[in-house]
Amino acid sequence: MIHHPSADVLMAYAAGSLPEPHALLIATHLSLCADCRDAAKEMEAVGGALLDRLAPAEIAPDALDRLLKRLDEPAPPKAPLPPADPVLPAPLRAYVGRGIDGITWTKLGGGVEEFRLPIPTTGGYATRLIRIDAGRKIPSHSHDGDELTLVLAGGFIDGDDHYGRGDVAGADPSVNHHPVADADGECICLIVTEGKLRFSGPLGPLLTYFRG
């Protein structure tokens, strides 16, 4: 079973209204899921058609001059996109700045490592790559806010559901869960969390990882 983001999330992505961390996660998912990619394009087309029906807005008399002046300004150089990588799709590589083998992971104990992405934490969001050893379980926890997880390699079981590469898992403050990485290999995920997590048992060495 393939797990997709909700239609509301895709609509918000197509409208450009998602916070940057969520927009990155959805853009990465679209790189891996043709169905959602097509759905997002349809939503963007509908949005464009609706904009065409709006009455033209008045602009300042000097708007054209200011636009032409900006076009004459040199564009800042773009950092080259790292080469293709078997784990990190292009939207994510642009943020990470390297392939999966070039990441310097921070060990958190309990078979978990993390890499924090260079995205501001405004809005209470934290954006991380995590790598979990085969068969390891994340301690039971609930959430202050929403959590979105995108699987990049391997997989994990959460309750009755299994998530593999390209799948998106969502959790809200009503959810208490303890995902378990597949036994046949490490699991690598992109996770966006809002607020702090609340554990229902001893935290152990993983406490550092789950702090916002």
C-alpha atoms as a PDB file:
ATOM      1  CA  MET A   1       0.000   0.000   0.000  1.00  0.00           C
ATOM      2  CA  ILE A   2       1.372   3.423  -1.007  1.00  0.00           C
ATOM      3  CA  HIS A   3       0.959   6.243   1.517  1.00  0.00           C
ATOM      4  CA  HIS A   4       0.433   9.689  -0.012  1.00  0.00           C
ATOM      5  CA  PRO A   5       0.083  13.157   1.531  1.00  0.00           C
ATOM      6  CA  SER A   6      -3.506  14.334   1.919  1.00  0.00           C
ATOM      7  CA  ALA A   7      -5.287  16.274  -0.818  1.00  0.00           C
ATOM      8  CA  ASP A   8      -5.330  19.330   1.470  1.00  0.00           C
ATOM      9  CA  VAL A   9      -1.545  19.219   1.804  1.00  0.00           C
ATOM     10  CA  LEU A  10      -1.082  18.835  -1.956  1.00  0.00           C
ATOM     11  CA  MET A  11      -3.468  21.737  -2.555  1.00  0.00           C
ATOM     12  CA  ALA A  12      -1.531  23.935  -0.134  1.00  0.00           C
ATOM     13  CA  TYR A  13       1.722  22.945  -1.870  1.00  0.00           C
ATOM     14  CA  ALA A  14       0.278  23.797  -5.290  1.00  0.00           C
ATOM     15  CA  ALA A  15      -0.903  27.157  -3.917  1.00  0.00           C
ATOM     16  CA  GLY A  16       2.535  27.906  -2.458  1.00  0.00           C
ATOM     17  CA  SER A  17       1.174  28.280   1.067  1.00  0.00           C
ATOM     18  CA  LEU A  18       3.056  25.486   2.865  1.00  0.00           C
ATOM     19  CA  PRO A  19       5.827  26.391   5.327  1.00  0.00           C
ATOM     20  CA  GLU A  20       9.280  25.841   3.837  1.00  0.00           C
ATOM     21  CA  PRO A  21       9.997  22.563   5.699  1.00  0.00           C
ATOM     22  CA  HIS A  22       6.724  20.983   4.558  1.00  0.00           C
ATOM     23  CA  ALA A  23       7.150  22.310   1.018  1.00  0.00           C
ATOM     24  CA  LEU A  24      10.571  20.647   0.850  1.00  0.00           C
ATOM     25  CA  LEU A  25       9.176  17.332   2.089  1.00  0.00           C
ATOM     26  CA  ILE A  26       6.324  17.403  -0.435  1.00  0.00           C
ATOM     27  CA  ALA A  27       8.620  18.427  -3.304  1.00  0.00           C
ATOM     28  CA  THR A  28      10.858  15.485  -2.424  1.00  0.00           C
ATOM     29  CA  HIS A  29       7.860  13.147  -2.320  1.00  0.00           C
ATOM     30  CA  LEU A  30       6.723  14.389  -5.744  1.00  0.00           C
ATOM     31  CA  SER A  31      10.137  13.409  -7.112  1.00  0.00           C
ATOM     32  CA  LEU A  32       9.345   9.839  -6.074  1.00  0.00           C
ATOM     33  CA  CYS A  33       5.584   9.619  -6.743  1.00  0.00           C
ATOM     34  CA  ALA A  34       4.194  10.141 -10.256  1.00  0.00           C
ATOM     35  CA  ASP A  35       0.570  10.030  -9.064  1.00  0.00           C
ATOM     36  CA  CYS A  36       0.995  12.910  -6.623  1.00  0.00           C
ATOM     37  CA  ARG A  37       3.156  14.792  -9.114  1.00  0.00           C
ATOM     38  CA  ASP A  38       0.331  14.643 -11.665  1.00  0.00           C
ATOM     39  CA  ALA A  39      -2.245  15.616  -9.023  1.00  0.00           C
ATOM     40  CA  ALA A  40      -0.191  18.655  -7.982  1.00  0.00           C
ATOM     41  CA  LYS A  41       0.135  19.770 -11.616  1.00  0.00           C
ATOM     42  CA  GLU A  42      -3.640  19.552 -12.039  1.00  0.00           C
ATOM     43  CA  MET A  43      -4.158  21.621  -8.884  1.00  0.00           C
ATOM     44  CA  GLU A  44      -1.682  24.227 -10.136  1.00  0.00           C
ATOM     45  CA  ALA A  45      -3.538  24.391 -13.461  1.00  0.00           C
ATOM     46  CA  VAL A  46      -6.868  24.914 -11.683  1.00  0.00           C
ATOM     47  CA  GLY A  47      -5.323  27.648  -9.556  1.00  0.00           C
ATOM     48  CA  GLY A  48      -3.929  29.344 -12.655  1.00  0.00           C
ATOM     49  CA  ALA A  49      -7.342  29.249 -14.347  1.00  0.00           C
ATOM     50  CA  LEU A  50      -8.944  30.855 -11.296  1.00  0.00           C
ATOM     51  CA  LEU A  51      -6.333  33.627 -11.289  1.00  0.00           C
ATOM     52  CA  ASP A  52      -7.108  34.369 -14.934  1.00  0.00           C
ATOM     53  CA  ARG A  53     -10.687  35.178 -13.918  1.00  0.00           C
ATOM     54  CA  LEU A  54      -9.700  37.789 -11.357  1.00  0.00           C
ATOM     55  CA  ALA A  55     -10.019  41.445 -12.219  1.00  0.00           C
ATOM     56  CA  PRO A  56      -6.663  43.103 -12.990  1.00  0.00           C
ATOM     57  CA  ALA A  57      -5.109  44.855 -10.008  1.00  0.00           C
ATOM     58  CA  GLU A  58      -3.811  48.398 -10.214  1.00  0.00           C
ATOM     59  CA  ILE A  59      -0.052  48.831 -10.001  1.00  0.00           C
ATOM     60  CA  ALA A  60       2.137  51.770  -9.116  1.00  0.00           C
ATOM     61  CA  PRO A  61       3.067  54.100 -12.004  1.00  0.00           C
ATOM     62  CA  ASP A  62       6.784  53.319 -11.584  1.00  0.00           C
ATOM     63  CA  ALA A  63       6.326  49.536 -11.315  1.00  0.00           C
ATOM     64  CA  LEU A  64       7.708  48.832 -14.810  1.00  0.00           C
ATOM     65  CA  ASP A  65      10.780  51.013 -14.247  1.00  0.00           C
ATOM     66  CA  ARG A  66      11.516  49.288 -10.954  1.00  0.00           C
ATOM     67  CA  LEU A  67      11.116  45.857 -12.551  1.00  0.00           C
ATOM     68  CA  LEU A  68      13.468  46.722 -15.432  1.00  0.00           C
ATOM     69  CA  LYS A  69      16.026  48.019 -12.948  1.00  0.00           C
ATOM     70  CA  ARG A  70      15.924  44.761 -11.036  1.00  0.00           C
ATOM     71  CA  LEU A  71      16.365  42.785 -14.257  1.00  0.00           C
ATOM     72  CA  ASP A  72      19.595  44.697 -14.907  1.00  0.00           C
ATOM     73  CA  GLU A  73      21.022  43.636 -11.544  1.00  0.00           C
ATOM     74  CA  PRO A  74      23.339  40.592 -11.665  1.00  0.00           C
ATOM     75  CA  ALA A  75      21.730  37.441 -10.311  1.00  0.00           C
ATOM     76  CA  PRO A  76      23.479  35.817  -7.333  1.00  0.00           C
ATOM     77  CA  PRO A  77      25.398  32.696  -8.330  1.00  0.00           C
ATOM     78  CA  LYS A  78      23.576  29.433  -7.730  1.00  0.00           C
ATOM     79  CA  ALA A  79      25.306  26.623  -5.892  1.00  0.00           C
ATOM     80  CA  PRO A  80      25.748  23.631  -8.195  1.00  0.00           C
ATOM     81  CA  LEU A  81      23.401  20.735  -7.487  1.00  0.00           C
ATOM     82  CA  PRO A  82      25.293  17.718  -6.128  1.00  0.00           C
ATOM     83  CA  PRO A  83      25.415  14.738  -8.513  1.00  0.00           C
ATOM     84  CA  ALA A  84      22.539  12.271  -8.659  1.00  0.00           C
ATOM     85  CA  ASP A  85      22.222  10.187  -5.512  1.00  0.00           C
ATOM     86  CA  PRO A  86      20.379   6.872  -4.962  1.00  0.00           C
ATOM     87  CA  VAL A  87      18.785   8.096  -1.704  1.00  0.00           C
ATOM     88  CA  LEU A  88      18.388  11.890  -1.904  1.00  0.00           C
ATOM     89  CA  PRO A  89      16.155  13.257  -4.705  1.00  0.00           C
ATOM     90  CA  ALA A  90      17.107  16.577  -6.317  1.00  0.00           C
ATOM     91  CA  PRO A  91      14.975  18.930  -4.162  1.00  0.00           C
ATOM     92  CA  LEU A  92      16.512  17.503  -0.998  1.00  0.00           C
ATOM     93  CA  ARG A  93      20.089  17.428  -2.352  1.00  0.00           C
ATOM     94  CA  ALA A  94      19.813  21.149  -3.033  1.00  0.00           C
ATOM     95  CA  TYR A  95      19.318  21.697   0.721  1.00  0.00           C
ATOM     96  CA  VAL A  96      21.729  19.062   1.993  1.00  0.00           C
ATOM     97  CA  GLY A  97      24.449  20.168  -0.423  1.00  0.00           C
ATOM     98  CA  ARG A  98      25.895  16.679  -0.903  1.00  0.00           C
ATOM     99  CA  GLY A  99      24.999  13.057  -1.480  1.00  0.00           C
ATOM    100  CA  ILE A 100      24.046  10.646   1.259  1.00  0.00           C
ATOM    101  CA  ASP A 101      27.626   9.335   1.566  1.00  0.00           C
ATOM    102  CA  GLY A 102      28.928  12.841   2.255  1.00  0.00           C
ATOM    103  CA  ILE A 103      26.685  13.539   5.250  1.00  0.00           C
ATOM    104  CA  THR A 104      28.292  13.863   8.662  1.00  0.00           C
ATOM    105  CA  TRP A 105      25.755  12.279  10.984  1.00  0.00           C
ATOM    106  CA  THR A 106      25.367  13.105  14.667  1.00  0.00           C
ATOM    107  CA  LYS A 107      25.011  10.017  16.836  1.00  0.00           C
ATOM    108  CA  LEU A 108      22.112  10.176  19.251  1.00  0.00           C
ATOM    109  CA  GLY A 109      22.300   6.722  20.792  1.00  0.00           C
ATOM    110  CA  GLY A 110      19.948   3.802  20.513  1.00  0.00           C
ATOM    111  CA  GLY A 111      20.942   3.161  16.897  1.00  0.00           C
ATOM    112  CA  VAL A 112      19.716   6.587  15.709  1.00  0.00           C
ATOM    113  CA  GLU A 113      21.678   9.348  13.965  1.00  0.00           C
ATOM    114  CA  GLU A 114      20.530  12.719  12.643  1.00  0.00           C
ATOM    115  CA  PHE A 115      21.460  15.482  10.240  1.00  0.00           C
ATOM    116  CA  ARG A 116      19.722  18.821  10.754  1.00  0.00           C
ATOM    117  CA  LEU A 117      18.902  20.663   7.564  1.00  0.00           C
ATOM    118  CA  PRO A 118      19.838  24.359   7.264  1.00  0.00           C
ATOM    119  CA  ILE A 119      16.249  25.594   7.437  1.00  0.00           C
ATOM    120  CA  PRO A 120      15.286  28.234  10.028  1.00  0.00           C
ATOM    121  CA  THR A 121      13.228  26.834  12.887  1.00  0.00           C
ATOM    122  CA  THR A 122      10.746  29.731  12.815  1.00  0.00           C
ATOM    123  CA  GLY A 123       7.222  28.543  13.461  1.00  0.00           C
ATOM    124  CA  GLY A 124       8.457  25.847  15.825  1.00  0.00           C
ATOM    125  CA  TYR A 125       9.451  23.451  13.043  1.00  0.00           C
ATOM    126  CA  ALA A 126      12.497  21.173  13.025  1.00  0.00           C
ATOM    127  CA  THR A 127      13.680  19.554   9.789  1.00  0.00           C
ATOM    128  CA  ARG A 128      15.946  16.520  10.005  1.00  0.00           C
ATOM    129  CA  LEU A 129      17.266  13.525   8.182  1.00  0.00           C
ATOM    130  CA  ILE A 130      17.392  10.560  10.515  1.00  0.00           C
ATOM    131  CA  ARG A 131      19.066   7.207  10.046  1.00  0.00           C
ATOM    132  CA  ILE A 132      17.847   4.284  12.155  1.00  0.00           C
ATOM    133  CA  ASP A 133      19.652   0.953  12.444  1.00  0.00           C
ATOM    134  CA  ALA A 134      17.835  -2.145  11.242  1.00  0.00           C
ATOM    135  CA  GLY A 135      15.224  -3.402  13.691  1.00  0.00           C
ATOM    136  CA  ARG A 136      15.504  -0.459  16.082  1.00  0.00           C
ATOM    137  CA  LYS A 137      12.369   1.001  17.690  1.00  0.00           C
ATOM    138  CA  ILE A 138      11.717   4.664  18.421  1.00  0.00           C
ATOM    139  CA  PRO A 139      10.353   5.026  21.980  1.00  0.00           C
ATOM    140  CA  SER A 140       6.594   5.588  22.308  1.00  0.00           C
ATOM    141  CA  HIS A 141       5.729   9.245  22.002  1.00  0.00           C
ATOM    142  CA  SER A 142       2.992  11.746  21.176  1.00  0.00           C
ATOM    143  CA  HIS A 143       3.270  15.206  19.632  1.00  0.00           C
ATOM    144  CA  ASP A 144       2.708  18.835  20.561  1.00  0.00           C
ATOM    145  CA  GLY A 145       2.039  19.522  16.884  1.00  0.00           C
ATOM    146  CA  ASP A 146       1.954  17.761  13.542  1.00  0.00           C
ATOM    147  CA  GLU A 147       4.695  15.500  12.218  1.00  0.00           C
ATOM    148  CA  LEU A 148       5.362  14.484   8.615  1.00  0.00           C
ATOM    149  CA  THR A 149       7.799  11.707   7.735  1.00  0.00           C
ATOM    150  CA  LEU A 150       9.035  10.784   4.253  1.00  0.00           C
ATOM    151  CA  VAL A 151      10.900   7.503   3.816  1.00  0.00           C
ATOM    152  CA  LEU A 152      14.008   7.807   1.640  1.00  0.00           C
ATOM    153  CA  ALA A 153      15.557   4.368   2.123  1.00  0.00           C
ATOM    154  CA  GLY A 154      14.542   1.151   3.842  1.00  0.00           C
ATOM    155  CA  GLY A 155      11.266   1.235   5.720  1.00  0.00           C
ATOM    156  CA  PHE A 156       9.499   1.056   9.048  1.00  0.00           C
ATOM    157  CA  ILE A 157       6.358  -0.319  10.648  1.00  0.00           C
ATOM    158  CA  ASP A 158       4.050   1.953  12.621  1.00  0.00           C
ATOM    159  CA  GLY A 159       1.061   0.168  14.116  1.00  0.00           C
ATOM    160  CA  ASP A 160      -0.568  -1.876  11.347  1.00  0.00           C
ATOM    161  CA  ASP A 161       1.037   0.114   8.512  1.00  0.00           C
ATOM    162  CA  HIS A 162       4.313  -0.359   6.696  1.00  0.00           C
ATOM    163  CA  TYR A 163       6.086   2.576   5.043  1.00  0.00           C
ATOM    164  CA  GLY A 164       8.732   2.254   2.336  1.00  0.00           C
ATOM    165  CA  ARG A 165      10.686   4.578   0.038  1.00  0.00           C
ATOM    166  CA  GLY A 166       8.521   7.477  -1.122  1.00  0.00           C
ATOM    167  CA  ASP A 167       5.779   6.934   1.463  1.00  0.00           C
ATOM    168  CA  VAL A 168       4.579   9.771   3.677  1.00  0.00           C
ATOM    169  CA  ALA A 169       3.436   9.181   7.262  1.00  0.00           C
ATOM    170  CA  GLY A 170       1.545  11.832   9.203  1.00  0.00           C
ATOM    171  CA  ALA A 171       0.915  12.173  12.929  1.00  0.00           C
ATOM    172  CA  ASP A 172      -0.969  14.791  14.939  1.00  0.00           C
ATOM    173  CA  PRO A 173      -1.235  15.500  18.690  1.00  0.00           C
ATOM    174  CA  SER A 174      -3.766  12.668  19.109  1.00  0.00           C
ATOM    175  CA  VAL A 175      -1.279  10.002  17.978  1.00  0.00           C
ATOM    176  CA  ASN A 176       0.931   8.006  20.322  1.00  0.00           C
ATOM    177  CA  HIS A 177       3.222   5.631  18.431  1.00  0.00           C
ATOM    178  CA  HIS A 178       6.593   3.840  18.322  1.00  0.00           C
ATOM    179  CA  PRO A 179       7.818   3.216  14.744  1.00  0.00           C
ATOM    180  CA  VAL A 180      10.123   0.224  14.213  1.00  0.00           C
ATOM    181  CA  ALA A 181      12.723   0.122  11.418  1.00  0.00           C
ATOM    182  CA  ASP A 182      12.655  -2.891   9.105  1.00  0.00           C
ATOM    183  CA  ALA A 183      14.876  -5.763  10.183  1.00  0.00           C
ATOM    184  CA  ASP A 184      16.627  -6.138   6.811  1.00  0.00           C
ATOM    185  CA  GLY A 185      18.406  -2.771   6.641  1.00  0.00           C
ATOM    186  CA  GLU A 186      18.742   0.763   7.946  1.00  0.00           C
ATOM    187  CA  CYS A 187      15.928   3.264   7.503  1.00  0.00           C
ATOM    188  CA  ILE A 188      16.586   6.839   6.359  1.00  0.00           C
ATOM    189  CA  CYS A 189      13.797   9.424   6.594  1.00  0.00           C
ATOM    190  CA  LEU A 190      13.164  13.128   6.197  1.00  0.00           C
ATOM    191  CA  ILE A 191      11.116  14.302   9.183  1.00  0.00           C
ATOM    192  CA  VAL A 192       9.438  17.653   9.835  1.00  0.00           C
ATOM    193  CA  THR A 193       8.143  18.117  13.374  1.00  0.00           C
ATOM    194  CA  GLU A 194       6.194  20.987  14.913  1.00  0.00           C
ATOM    195  CA  GLY A 195       6.836  21.649  18.589  1.00  0.00           C
ATOM    196  CA  LYS A 196       8.163  19.030  20.974  1.00  0.00           C
ATOM    197  CA  LEU A 197       7.461  15.332  21.333  1.00  0.00           C
ATOM    198  CA  ARG A 198       6.054  13.831  24.517  1.00  0.00           C
ATOM    199  CA  PHE A 199       7.300  10.428  25.634  1.00  0.00           C
ATOM    200  CA  SER A 200       5.274   7.905  27.550  1.00  0.00           C
ATOM    201  CA  GLY A 201       8.303   6.036  28.916  1.00  0.00           C
ATOM    202  CA  PRO A 202      12.006   6.502  29.792  1.00  0.00           C
ATOM    203  CA  LEU A 203      13.786   8.535  27.113  1.00  0.00           C
ATOM    204  CA  GLY A 204      17.289   7.162  27.441  1.00  0.00           C
ATOM    205  CA  PRO A 205      19.984   8.523  25.103  1.00  0.00           C
ATOM    206  CA  LEU A 206      17.423   9.470  22.450  1.00  0.00           C
ATOM    207  CA  LEU A 207      16.288  12.493  24.460  1.00  0.00           C
ATOM    208  CA  THR A 208      18.721  14.780  22.617  1.00  0.00           C
ATOM    209  CA  TYR A 209      17.299  13.802  19.252  1.00  0.00           C
ATOM    210  CA  PHE A 210      13.699  14.531  20.082  1.00  0.00           C
ATOM    211  CA  ARG A 211      14.224  17.990  21.529  1.00  0.00           C
ATOM    212  CA  GLY A 212      13.095  20.727  19.158  1.00  0.00           C
END
